[in-house]
Amino acid sequence: MPCLIWSLWLAITPLSPGSCDQLSASAFAPLPQQAIPQAEAITLPEIVISDSVRFVKPIEENVPISSGFGLRRHPILGRYIEHKGMDLPVPIGSPVMSVADGTVVERGHDRRAGNFLTVRHNDGWYSRYFHLNTVAVHKGERLTAGETIATSGNSGLTTGPHLHLEIGYRGVPLDPAPLLSGSPLLASRRQPEQSVEAEPVPPRVVMISQGDSGTRITVRFNKQTRTVSPGSKVFGGYRVVKQHNGKYQIISAA
């Protein structure tokens, strides 16, 4: 019976984030969740956000991502586990900055995450910072984007010094990389063995925003991002149109 209970616990309990692969056989209490806005009915990736939220990179160094967002095979359990953020390998003591304006809603220590912070941003957005060495801000403190809030460390369950960063919307963890696009720290951690000519990638809608000026459509094309109104031309030869099902599509304007 104890083995059955332990197996069920593993199936439903989230494992440690970041490069946190040194798990012990004991059960860990879940991280505090009460300060994070809870999920509503959201259709990803078309998330309605506010134009007021703009993200900046959390560290000064330009480093590759050591472990990205999404499913990865756990080296101990041998099964795929959801990684809810991304890992940035930086030395202990490196400055960690808030990725957007916001308010500190959690500051604490967890056996898995080590010293951590949670920051609530506008319109249901939040960010979390794990494995910190020192923390320079307090709960309830107002922050500005790019403000130093902590130093990176190796606290909690890790395989080495790094910052684990999570960004989410109303309780739903999202890949931080597209939100921080344009930052050199997002270079791929794997370099191609030989040069291969990439196939052209058409423009795509990455976000739908609601601001004072109405609906705004953010389009990404050839590593560039533009935000326009529905029906507008974008990147010269394309136009944003609304389909009958309510979704937006990029078509040729020729």
Protein backbone atom coordinates (compact mmCIF):
# COMPACT_ATOMS: atom_id res chain seq x y z
CA MET A 1 0.00 0.00 0.00
CA PRO A 2 2.75 2.59 0.75
CA CYS A 3 4.26 1.94 -2.71
CA LEU A 4 0.85 2.54 -4.32
CA ILE A 5 0.38 5.81 -2.44
CA TRP A 6 3.90 6.95 -3.41
CA SER A 7 3.26 6.13 -7.08
CA LEU A 8 0.02 8.11 -7.06
CA TRP A 9 1.78 11.03 -5.38
CA LEU A 10 4.45 11.09 -8.10
CA ALA A 11 1.80 11.11 -10.80
CA ILE A 12 0.01 14.21 -9.50
CA THR A 13 2.71 16.26 -7.77
CA PRO A 14 4.83 18.76 -9.81
CA LEU A 15 8.55 18.20 -9.55
CA SER A 16 11.29 20.67 -8.95
CA PRO A 17 11.75 23.50 -11.49
CA GLY A 18 14.83 24.75 -13.34
CA SER A 19 17.87 22.51 -13.61
CA CYS A 20 16.63 21.01 -10.37
CA ASP A 21 17.30 17.38 -11.13
CA GLN A 22 18.76 16.19 -7.83
CA LEU A 23 15.55 14.94 -6.22
CA SER A 24 15.51 13.00 -3.00
CA ALA A 25 13.01 10.30 -2.12
CA SER A 26 11.06 12.50 0.28
CA ALA A 27 7.88 14.38 -0.60
CA PHE A 28 7.99 18.18 -0.82
CA ALA A 29 5.29 20.63 0.08
CA PRO A 30 4.01 22.57 -2.96
CA LEU A 31 5.21 26.12 -3.47
CA PRO A 32 2.90 28.87 -2.22
CA GLN A 33 0.24 29.58 -4.84
CA GLN A 34 -2.17 31.95 -3.13
CA ALA A 35 -0.44 35.09 -4.40
CA ILE A 36 -0.65 34.12 -8.08
CA PRO A 37 -3.72 35.16 -10.09
CA GLN A 38 -5.65 31.99 -10.87
CA ALA A 39 -6.36 30.69 -14.35
CA GLU A 40 -9.49 31.63 -16.24
CA ALA A 41 -10.71 30.30 -19.60
CA ILE A 42 -7.67 31.01 -21.79
CA THR A 43 -7.01 29.84 -25.32
CA LEU A 44 -3.26 29.77 -25.88
CA PRO A 45 -1.35 31.22 -27.59
CA GLU A 46 -3.95 33.91 -28.34
CA ILE A 47 -3.89 35.49 -24.88
CA VAL A 48 -5.54 38.86 -24.40
CA ILE A 49 -3.09 41.09 -22.57
CA SER A 50 -2.62 44.77 -21.83
CA ASP A 51 -0.36 47.06 -23.82
CA SER A 52 0.97 48.28 -20.46
CA VAL A 53 3.00 45.09 -19.82
CA ARG A 54 6.45 45.08 -21.38
CA PHE A 55 9.12 42.59 -20.33
CA VAL A 56 12.89 43.10 -20.03
CA LYS A 57 15.62 40.53 -19.47
CA PRO A 58 16.25 39.50 -15.83
CA ILE A 59 20.07 39.36 -15.95
CA GLU A 60 22.90 41.47 -17.32
CA GLU A 61 24.88 38.61 -18.84
CA ASN A 62 24.21 37.35 -22.35
CA VAL A 63 24.00 33.62 -21.76
CA PRO A 64 22.32 30.70 -23.54
CA ILE A 65 19.31 28.99 -22.02
CA SER A 66 20.49 25.84 -20.26
CA SER A 67 17.00 24.32 -19.94
CA GLY A 68 13.97 25.66 -21.77
CA PHE A 69 10.23 25.69 -21.18
CA GLY A 70 8.11 22.59 -21.74
CA LEU A 71 8.34 18.85 -21.40
CA ARG A 72 11.72 17.30 -20.69
CA ARG A 73 12.82 13.81 -19.71
CA HIS A 74 13.68 13.69 -16.02
CA PRO A 75 17.10 12.09 -15.50
CA ILE A 76 16.03 10.21 -12.35
CA LEU A 77 12.40 9.22 -12.93
CA GLY A 78 12.93 8.59 -16.64
CA ARG A 79 9.64 10.21 -17.65
CA TYR A 80 8.75 13.56 -19.15
CA ILE A 81 8.06 16.35 -16.64
CA GLU A 82 6.71 19.82 -17.42
CA HIS A 83 9.39 22.51 -16.95
CA LYS A 84 7.42 25.67 -16.16
CA GLY A 85 10.19 28.19 -16.80
CA MET A 86 13.65 28.55 -18.26
CA ASP A 87 17.11 28.29 -16.70
CA LEU A 88 19.85 30.86 -17.18
CA PRO A 89 23.29 29.68 -15.98
CA VAL A 90 24.89 32.65 -14.22
CA PRO A 91 27.48 32.77 -11.42
CA ILE A 92 26.43 33.09 -7.79
CA GLY A 93 25.96 36.75 -6.88
CA SER A 94 24.89 37.94 -10.35
CA PRO A 95 22.26 40.72 -10.21
CA VAL A 96 18.68 39.57 -10.88
CA MET A 97 16.25 42.19 -12.17
CA SER A 98 12.46 42.39 -12.29
CA VAL A 99 11.23 41.61 -15.80
CA ALA A 100 8.43 44.21 -15.58
CA ASP A 101 6.82 46.79 -13.32
CA GLY A 102 5.01 45.13 -10.45
CA THR A 103 4.63 44.35 -6.75
CA VAL A 104 6.38 41.70 -4.66
CA VAL A 105 3.70 39.25 -3.46
CA GLU A 106 5.88 36.38 -2.21
CA ARG A 107 9.32 36.13 -0.68
CA GLY A 108 10.45 32.92 0.94
CA HIS A 109 12.43 29.71 0.91
CA ASP A 110 11.37 26.33 -0.45
CA ARG A 111 13.25 23.05 -0.37
CA ARG A 112 13.08 22.74 -4.14
CA ALA A 113 13.12 26.37 -5.30
CA GLY A 114 15.50 27.65 -2.64
CA ASN A 115 15.21 31.37 -1.97
CA PHE A 116 12.48 32.65 -4.28
CA LEU A 117 10.42 35.71 -5.18
CA THR A 118 7.05 36.13 -6.88
CA VAL A 119 6.19 39.46 -8.51
CA ARG A 120 2.68 40.37 -9.67
CA HIS A 121 2.48 42.57 -12.76
CA ASN A 122 -0.45 44.32 -14.46
CA ASP A 123 -3.46 42.52 -15.95
CA GLY A 124 -2.89 39.12 -14.33
CA TRP A 125 0.75 38.64 -15.30
CA TYR A 126 3.32 37.38 -12.78
CA SER A 127 6.97 36.32 -12.68
CA ARG A 128 8.89 34.00 -10.32
CA TYR A 129 12.60 33.78 -9.57
CA PHE A 130 14.10 30.62 -8.00
CA HIS A 131 17.44 29.51 -6.48
CA LEU A 132 18.40 33.02 -5.38
CA ASN A 133 21.41 33.76 -3.19
CA THR A 134 20.26 37.01 -1.58
CA VAL A 135 16.96 38.90 -1.82
CA ALA A 136 16.94 42.71 -1.82
CA VAL A 137 13.19 43.45 -1.78
CA HIS A 138 10.30 42.79 0.58
CA LYS A 139 6.69 41.68 0.23
CA GLY A 140 4.46 44.57 -0.81
CA GLU A 141 7.32 46.57 -2.35
CA ARG A 142 6.64 48.26 -5.69
CA LEU A 143 9.15 47.52 -8.46
CA THR A 144 10.08 48.97 -11.83
CA ALA A 145 11.21 46.95 -14.84
CA GLY A 146 14.96 46.35 -14.72
CA GLU A 147 15.24 47.05 -10.99
CA THR A 148 17.66 44.76 -9.13
CA ILE A 149 15.64 42.55 -6.77
CA ALA A 150 18.08 39.79 -5.82
CA THR A 151 21.31 37.99 -6.67
CA SER A 152 21.42 34.61 -8.35
CA GLY A 153 22.55 31.58 -6.41
CA ASN A 154 22.47 27.84 -5.98
CA SER A 155 19.88 27.47 -3.22
CA GLY A 156 17.34 24.67 -3.25
CA LEU A 157 17.67 21.54 -5.38
CA THR A 158 19.95 22.34 -8.30
CA THR A 159 22.76 20.85 -10.34
CA GLY A 160 24.65 24.15 -10.36
CA PRO A 161 24.28 27.94 -10.06
CA HIS A 162 21.54 29.37 -12.25
CA LEU A 163 18.42 31.53 -12.29
CA HIS A 164 15.12 29.76 -12.92
CA LEU A 165 12.65 32.31 -14.35
CA GLU A 166 8.92 31.77 -14.76
CA ILE A 167 6.45 34.12 -16.42
CA GLY A 168 2.74 33.38 -16.35
CA TYR A 169 -0.68 34.82 -17.07
CA ARG A 170 -3.55 34.29 -14.60
CA GLY A 171 -1.95 31.18 -13.17
CA VAL A 172 -0.92 29.69 -16.54
CA PRO A 173 2.88 29.31 -16.96
CA LEU A 174 4.12 30.51 -20.37
CA ASP A 175 7.39 30.20 -22.24
CA PRO A 176 9.43 33.28 -21.18
CA ALA A 177 11.53 33.22 -24.36
CA PRO A 178 8.99 34.82 -26.78
CA LEU A 179 8.08 37.43 -24.14
CA LEU A 180 11.75 38.38 -23.84
CA SER A 181 12.36 38.19 -27.61
CA GLY A 182 15.07 40.49 -28.90
CA SER A 183 17.30 39.82 -25.92
CA PRO A 184 20.69 38.26 -26.79
CA LEU A 185 20.48 36.03 -23.73
CA LEU A 186 18.00 33.87 -25.61
CA ALA A 187 20.59 32.34 -27.93
CA SER A 188 20.09 28.64 -28.53
CA ARG A 189 22.11 26.41 -26.25
CA ARG A 190 22.77 24.13 -29.23
CA GLN A 191 24.68 25.26 -32.28
CA PRO A 192 24.08 23.48 -35.62
CA GLU A 193 26.86 21.20 -36.75
CA GLN A 194 26.68 22.55 -40.28
CA SER A 195 25.12 25.50 -42.00
CA VAL A 196 21.68 24.71 -43.39
CA GLU A 197 19.66 27.24 -45.33
CA ALA A 198 16.51 27.85 -43.37
CA GLU A 199 13.15 27.74 -45.08
CA PRO A 200 11.26 31.04 -45.08
CA VAL A 201 8.81 31.31 -42.20
CA PRO A 202 5.61 33.27 -42.87
CA PRO A 203 4.45 35.99 -40.46
CA ARG A 204 2.38 34.77 -37.53
CA VAL A 205 0.16 36.28 -34.85
CA VAL A 206 1.84 35.97 -31.45
CA MET A 207 -0.41 38.10 -29.25
CA ILE A 208 -3.77 39.86 -29.27
CA SER A 209 -3.86 42.91 -27.02
CA GLN A 210 -6.54 45.21 -25.72
CA GLY A 211 -5.48 48.80 -24.98
CA ASP A 212 -6.92 52.28 -24.91
CA SER A 213 -6.74 52.38 -28.72
CA GLY A 214 -8.70 49.13 -29.09
CA THR A 215 -7.61 45.72 -30.34
CA ARG A 216 -3.94 45.43 -31.27
CA ILE A 217 -2.37 42.48 -33.09
CA THR A 218 1.28 41.60 -32.51
CA VAL A 219 2.91 39.88 -35.51
CA ARG A 220 6.34 38.24 -35.65
CA PHE A 221 8.28 37.85 -38.91
CA ASN A 222 12.00 37.20 -39.53
CA LYS A 223 12.88 37.81 -35.85
CA GLN A 224 11.05 41.16 -35.89
CA THR A 225 7.84 42.07 -34.07
CA ARG A 226 5.23 44.66 -35.04
CA THR A 227 1.95 45.62 -33.35
CA VAL A 228 -0.85 46.91 -35.60
CA SER A 229 -4.62 47.34 -35.72
CA PRO A 230 -6.86 44.70 -37.32
CA GLY A 231 -6.98 45.16 -41.10
CA SER A 232 -3.65 46.98 -41.24
CA LYS A 233 -0.72 46.11 -43.46
CA VAL A 234 2.35 44.73 -41.71
CA PHE A 235 5.85 43.99 -42.97
CA GLY A 236 5.00 45.49 -46.37
CA GLY A 237 3.34 42.62 -48.20
CA TYR A 238 0.97 41.26 -45.56
CA ARG A 239 -2.31 42.22 -43.92
CA VAL A 240 -3.99 41.23 -40.63
CA VAL A 241 -7.56 40.02 -41.16
CA LYS A 242 -10.20 38.58 -38.85
CA GLN A 243 -11.72 35.25 -39.84
CA HIS A 244 -15.33 34.15 -39.37
CA ASN A 245 -14.34 32.11 -36.31
CA GLY A 246 -13.01 35.24 -34.62
CA LYS A 247 -9.33 34.39 -35.02
CA TYR A 248 -6.84 36.65 -36.76
CA GLN A 249 -4.83 35.55 -39.78
CA ILE A 250 -1.96 37.00 -41.80
CA ILE A 251 -2.61 37.05 -45.56
CA SER A 252 -0.72 38.39 -48.54
CA ALA A 253 -1.62 41.99 -49.29
CA ALA A 254 -0.61 41.68 -52.93
